[in-house]
Protein backbone atom coordinates (compact mmCIF):
# COMPACT_ATOMS: atom_id res chain seq x y z
CA MET A 1 218.70 270.53 -88.56
CA SER A 2 218.62 267.37 -86.77
CA SER A 3 222.17 266.18 -85.35
CA THR A 4 223.02 262.69 -83.94
CA LEU A 5 226.06 263.47 -82.25
CA LEU A 6 225.77 267.00 -80.49
CA ARG A 7 222.88 269.02 -78.96
CA VAL A 8 223.35 272.33 -79.64
CA SER A 9 221.33 275.26 -77.70
CA PRO A 10 220.28 277.68 -77.99
CA SER A 11 218.95 277.44 -81.72
CA GLU A 12 220.32 281.57 -82.60
CA LEU A 13 222.80 283.26 -80.45
CA LYS A 14 221.29 285.83 -78.87
CA ILE A 15 224.13 288.96 -78.15
CA PRO A 16 222.84 292.41 -76.41
CA TYR A 17 224.02 295.39 -78.90
CA GLU A 18 225.62 298.14 -76.72
CA VAL A 19 228.30 300.90 -78.00
CA LYS A 20 231.77 300.74 -76.86
CA ARG A 21 230.80 297.79 -74.63
CA GLN A 22 231.79 293.94 -75.30
CA ARG A 23 228.49 291.53 -74.86
CA SER A 24 228.63 287.74 -74.70
CA CYS A 25 226.67 285.15 -74.76
CA CYS A 26 226.81 281.47 -74.39
CA MET A 27 225.70 277.97 -76.44
CA GLN A 28 225.51 274.67 -74.98
CA LEU A 29 227.08 271.18 -76.53
CA MET A 30 225.58 267.89 -75.25
CA ASN A 31 227.08 264.74 -76.67
CA LYS A 32 224.16 262.42 -77.06
CA THR A 33 226.36 259.11 -77.83
CA ASP A 34 228.41 256.46 -76.15
CA LYS A 35 231.06 257.69 -78.15
CA TYR A 36 233.67 260.34 -77.79
CA VAL A 37 232.98 263.36 -80.12
CA ALA A 38 235.28 266.02 -81.47
CA PHE A 39 233.62 269.83 -82.39
CA LYS A 40 234.81 272.54 -83.80
CA VAL A 41 233.15 276.10 -83.89
CA LYS A 42 233.65 278.45 -86.56
CA THR A 43 232.26 282.19 -87.55
CA THR A 44 232.03 283.94 -90.72
CA ASN A 45 233.27 287.06 -89.10
CA PRO A 46 236.32 285.83 -86.90
CA ARG A 47 237.52 289.49 -86.41
CA LYS A 48 234.34 290.45 -84.80
CA TYR A 49 233.81 287.31 -82.41
CA SER A 50 236.13 285.62 -80.05
CA VAL A 51 235.13 282.49 -79.22
CA ARG A 52 236.28 280.35 -76.08
CA HIS A 53 236.59 276.75 -76.36
CA THR A 54 236.64 277.02 -80.46
CA CYS A 55 237.35 272.95 -80.22
CA GLY A 56 237.45 270.08 -77.96
CA ILE A 57 236.65 266.56 -77.19
CA LEU A 58 233.01 265.42 -75.12
CA LEU A 59 233.23 262.33 -73.58
CA PRO A 60 230.20 260.10 -73.69
CA ARG A 61 227.19 261.64 -72.66
CA SER A 62 228.71 264.68 -71.31
CA SER A 63 228.55 268.69 -72.08
CA CYS A 64 230.17 271.96 -72.46
CA SER A 65 229.74 275.36 -72.56
CA VAL A 66 231.16 277.76 -75.23
CA THR A 67 231.34 281.50 -74.93
CA VAL A 68 230.63 283.80 -77.71
CA THR A 69 231.95 287.26 -77.19
CA MET A 70 231.41 290.35 -79.37
CA GLN A 71 234.23 292.89 -79.90
CA ALA A 72 232.56 296.43 -78.78
CA PRO A 73 230.85 298.40 -81.33
CA LYS A 74 232.24 301.77 -82.45
CA GLU A 75 228.67 302.96 -83.40
CA MET A 76 224.93 302.57 -82.85
CA GLN A 77 222.84 300.73 -85.47
CA LEU A 78 219.57 301.78 -86.87
CA ASP A 79 218.16 298.53 -86.63
CA TYR A 80 219.68 294.98 -85.14
CA HIS A 81 219.73 293.10 -88.28
CA CYS A 82 222.72 291.28 -88.29
CA LYS A 83 224.32 288.67 -91.17
CA ASP A 84 226.87 287.04 -89.29
CA LYS A 85 226.79 283.17 -88.25
CA PHE A 86 228.21 280.57 -86.60
CA LEU A 87 229.08 276.70 -87.79
CA VAL A 88 229.52 274.23 -84.93
CA GLN A 89 231.08 270.78 -87.01
CA SER A 90 231.42 267.55 -84.76
CA ALA A 91 232.80 264.12 -85.74
CA VAL A 92 233.10 260.58 -83.87
CA ALA A 93 236.45 260.21 -82.39
CA ARG A 94 238.30 257.15 -81.22
CA ASP A 95 237.54 255.77 -77.63
CA GLY A 96 239.96 257.53 -75.03
CA ALA A 97 240.67 260.25 -77.26
CA THR A 98 242.24 263.58 -75.76
CA MET A 99 243.07 267.12 -77.37
CA ARG A 100 246.45 265.57 -78.39
CA ASP A 101 244.45 263.45 -81.12
CA PHE A 102 242.74 266.53 -82.26
CA VAL A 103 243.51 266.90 -85.37
CA PRO A 104 242.43 268.44 -88.50
CA GLU A 105 241.96 265.63 -90.57
CA LEU A 106 238.81 264.54 -88.07
CA PHE A 107 236.77 267.09 -89.91
CA THR A 108 237.77 265.94 -93.50
CA ARG A 109 235.29 264.35 -95.22
CA ALA A 110 236.01 260.53 -95.90
CA PRO A 111 234.24 257.60 -96.81
CA GLY A 112 232.53 256.19 -93.66
CA ARG A 113 233.30 258.81 -91.56
CA LEU A 114 230.24 260.80 -90.19
CA ILE A 115 230.90 264.71 -90.17
CA GLU A 116 227.60 267.12 -88.34
CA GLU A 117 227.20 270.53 -89.07
CA PHE A 118 224.59 272.97 -86.98
CA LYS A 119 224.40 276.48 -88.14
CA LEU A 120 223.58 279.43 -85.96
CA ARG A 121 222.87 283.09 -86.46
CA VAL A 122 223.38 285.78 -84.70
CA VAL A 123 220.70 287.71 -83.67
CA TYR A 124 221.14 291.73 -81.89
CA ILE A 125 219.09 292.64 -79.03
CA ALA A 126 218.45 295.67 -76.85
CA ALA A 127 221.17 295.90 -74.37
CA ASN A 128 218.75 297.98 -72.19
CA PRO A 129 214.97 297.06 -72.72
CA PRO A 130 212.54 299.49 -71.95
CA SER A 131 210.38 298.85 -68.73
CA PRO A 132 206.99 296.79 -69.50
CA VAL A 133 205.17 298.86 -66.98
CA PRO A 134 204.68 302.44 -67.06
CA GLU A 135 205.90 304.85 -64.76
CA GLU A 136 202.55 306.22 -64.55
CA ALA A 137 201.16 302.84 -63.59
CA GLU A 138 203.54 302.08 -61.08
CA GLU A 139 202.35 305.65 -59.48
CA GLU A 140 198.84 304.75 -59.46
CA ASP A 141 199.80 301.13 -57.80
CA ALA A 142 201.17 302.92 -55.01
CA ALA A 143 198.95 305.23 -54.36
CA PRO A 144 196.23 302.92 -52.11
CA ALA A 145 199.38 301.64 -50.63
CA LEU A 146 200.35 304.99 -49.27
CA GLU A 147 196.77 306.11 -48.42
CA GLU A 148 196.53 302.68 -46.33
CA MET A 149 199.65 303.74 -45.03
CA GLY A 150 198.12 306.98 -43.96
CA ARG A 151 195.13 305.46 -42.23
CA GLU A 152 197.30 303.34 -40.37
CA ALA A 153 199.41 305.77 -38.85
CA LYS A 154 196.32 308.45 -38.23
CA LYS A 155 194.57 305.50 -36.31
CA SER A 156 197.94 304.60 -34.37
CA SER A 157 198.07 308.16 -33.00
CA VAL A 158 194.12 307.98 -31.90
CA LEU A 159 195.05 304.70 -29.76
CA ASP A 160 198.39 306.52 -28.21
CA ALA A 161 195.89 309.35 -27.40
CA GLU A 162 193.24 307.61 -25.92
CA SER A 163 195.72 305.58 -23.80
CA ARG A 164 197.22 308.49 -22.05
CA LEU A 165 193.74 309.90 -21.76
CA ARG A 166 192.52 306.61 -19.75
CA SER A 167 195.41 306.74 -17.41
CA VAL A 168 195.71 310.59 -16.65
CA ALA A 169 191.58 310.17 -16.19
CA ASN A 170 192.21 307.14 -13.66
CA SER A 171 194.54 309.28 -11.63
CA GLY A 172 191.92 311.74 -10.07
CA PRO A 173 191.57 315.13 -9.87
CA MET A 174 195.70 316.02 -9.89
CA LEU A 175 195.69 316.18 -13.65
CA SER A 176 197.79 319.23 -14.61
CA CYS A 177 197.09 321.95 -17.19
CA THR A 178 200.32 321.27 -19.70
CA GLU A 179 199.34 317.38 -19.50
CA GLY A 180 195.82 317.78 -20.09
CA ALA A 181 196.36 320.02 -23.04
CA SER A 182 198.98 317.95 -24.60
CA VAL A 183 196.34 315.36 -24.63
CA ALA A 184 193.43 317.28 -26.17
CA SER A 185 195.75 318.77 -28.43
CA THR A 186 196.62 315.18 -29.86
CA LEU A 187 193.13 314.15 -29.96
CA VAL A 188 191.64 317.33 -31.40
CA GLY A 189 194.17 316.91 -34.35
CA ASP A 190 192.74 313.39 -35.18
CA ARG A 191 189.12 314.14 -34.30
CA VAL A 192 188.29 315.87 -37.85
CA HIS A 193 188.78 312.61 -39.60
CA LYS A 194 187.70 310.10 -36.73
CA VAL A 195 184.91 311.95 -34.67
CA HIS A 196 181.95 310.93 -36.67
CA ASP A 197 182.78 306.98 -36.88
CA ASN A 198 184.20 306.87 -33.14
CA PRO A 199 181.72 307.26 -30.79
CA LYS A 200 184.18 306.29 -27.67
CA LEU A 201 186.43 309.02 -29.07
CA GLU A 202 183.47 311.30 -28.26
CA GLN A 203 183.38 310.19 -24.64
CA ASP A 204 186.97 310.75 -24.18
CA MET A 205 186.87 314.15 -24.94
CA GLU A 206 183.70 315.08 -22.62
CA LEU A 207 185.64 313.08 -19.89
CA LEU A 208 188.70 315.59 -20.72
CA SER A 209 186.50 318.46 -20.61
CA GLU A 210 184.97 317.59 -17.39
CA ALA A 211 188.68 317.20 -16.01
CA ARG A 212 189.89 320.42 -17.26
CA SER A 213 187.09 321.87 -15.52
CA SER A 214 187.39 320.21 -12.48
CA GLN A 215 191.08 321.03 -12.23
CA GLN A 216 190.05 324.62 -12.93
CA GLY A 217 187.69 325.05 -10.12
CA PHE A 218 189.87 323.48 -8.07
CA SER A 219 192.64 326.25 -8.65
CA VAL A 220 190.15 328.75 -7.90
CA MET A 221 189.17 327.62 -4.37
CA PHE A 222 192.19 327.27 -3.51
CA VAL A 223 192.93 331.10 -4.15
CA LEU A 224 189.90 332.30 -2.46
CA PHE A 225 190.33 329.95 0.47
CA VAL A 226 194.13 331.73 0.95
CA PHE A 227 192.80 335.40 0.23
CA MET A 228 190.23 334.52 3.08
CA SER A 229 192.59 333.72 5.36
CA SER A 230 194.99 336.37 4.95
CA VAL A 231 191.96 338.86 5.54
CA PHE A 232 191.13 336.86 8.78
CA ILE A 233 194.70 336.88 9.70
CA GLY A 234 195.32 340.44 9.46
CA HIS A 235 192.01 341.25 11.43
CA LEU A 236 193.42 339.00 13.94
CA MET A 237 196.76 340.75 14.25
CA LYS A 238 194.99 344.36 14.51
CA HIS A 239 193.31 343.18 17.62
CA ILE A 240 195.99 341.95 19.04
CA LYS A 241 198.05 344.84 19.02
CA VAL A 242 194.91 347.04 20.20
């Protein structure tokens, strides 16, 4: 129904239905005229609903919000069908009118007095609507992201191992066995996934093997040198005693 005094929105009151919990909704009233307009809100079930701002006077081109609260339902309904309705009545008031001028006679029909009515029906909606995206779909969407994170982590681990290898290899033949084993274990762990796609990693592994072989050779020569020196000193001491 068209109205020349007030614009009422929305056209129906949608209230979430939840057992043992109060729920509310709002309607907006806007004065479309350059006059003072009085309004009054009624319902077919006043015991079930409480209305804040059941009446008032709107200044020209002004608006206000009306809150409708439904009392907590005691039991669940099989469907959300509702027969309750609301009625918004509006009438022209005198210029400069206040709530002191609000009297029931404003809404009494009389010759030359314009009284408009706007009806709204109550619609129950689900309080907790189901998610439009199924959980399985959410898991499928998350799988590519997890795989990408795993690849990034492996790439970072390989780059870190290569950096450590270069710094140790450039320091010369003083590579310790413990440090070399640490670098090797890191590279071997990621080599299963990267060795065929990363020729540079193959070269770094060969460099590590040569460094470790050099370290082992150095250790053997040192032990042999100490042994030969001991034998020589022993023979020398015997000749001195004789």
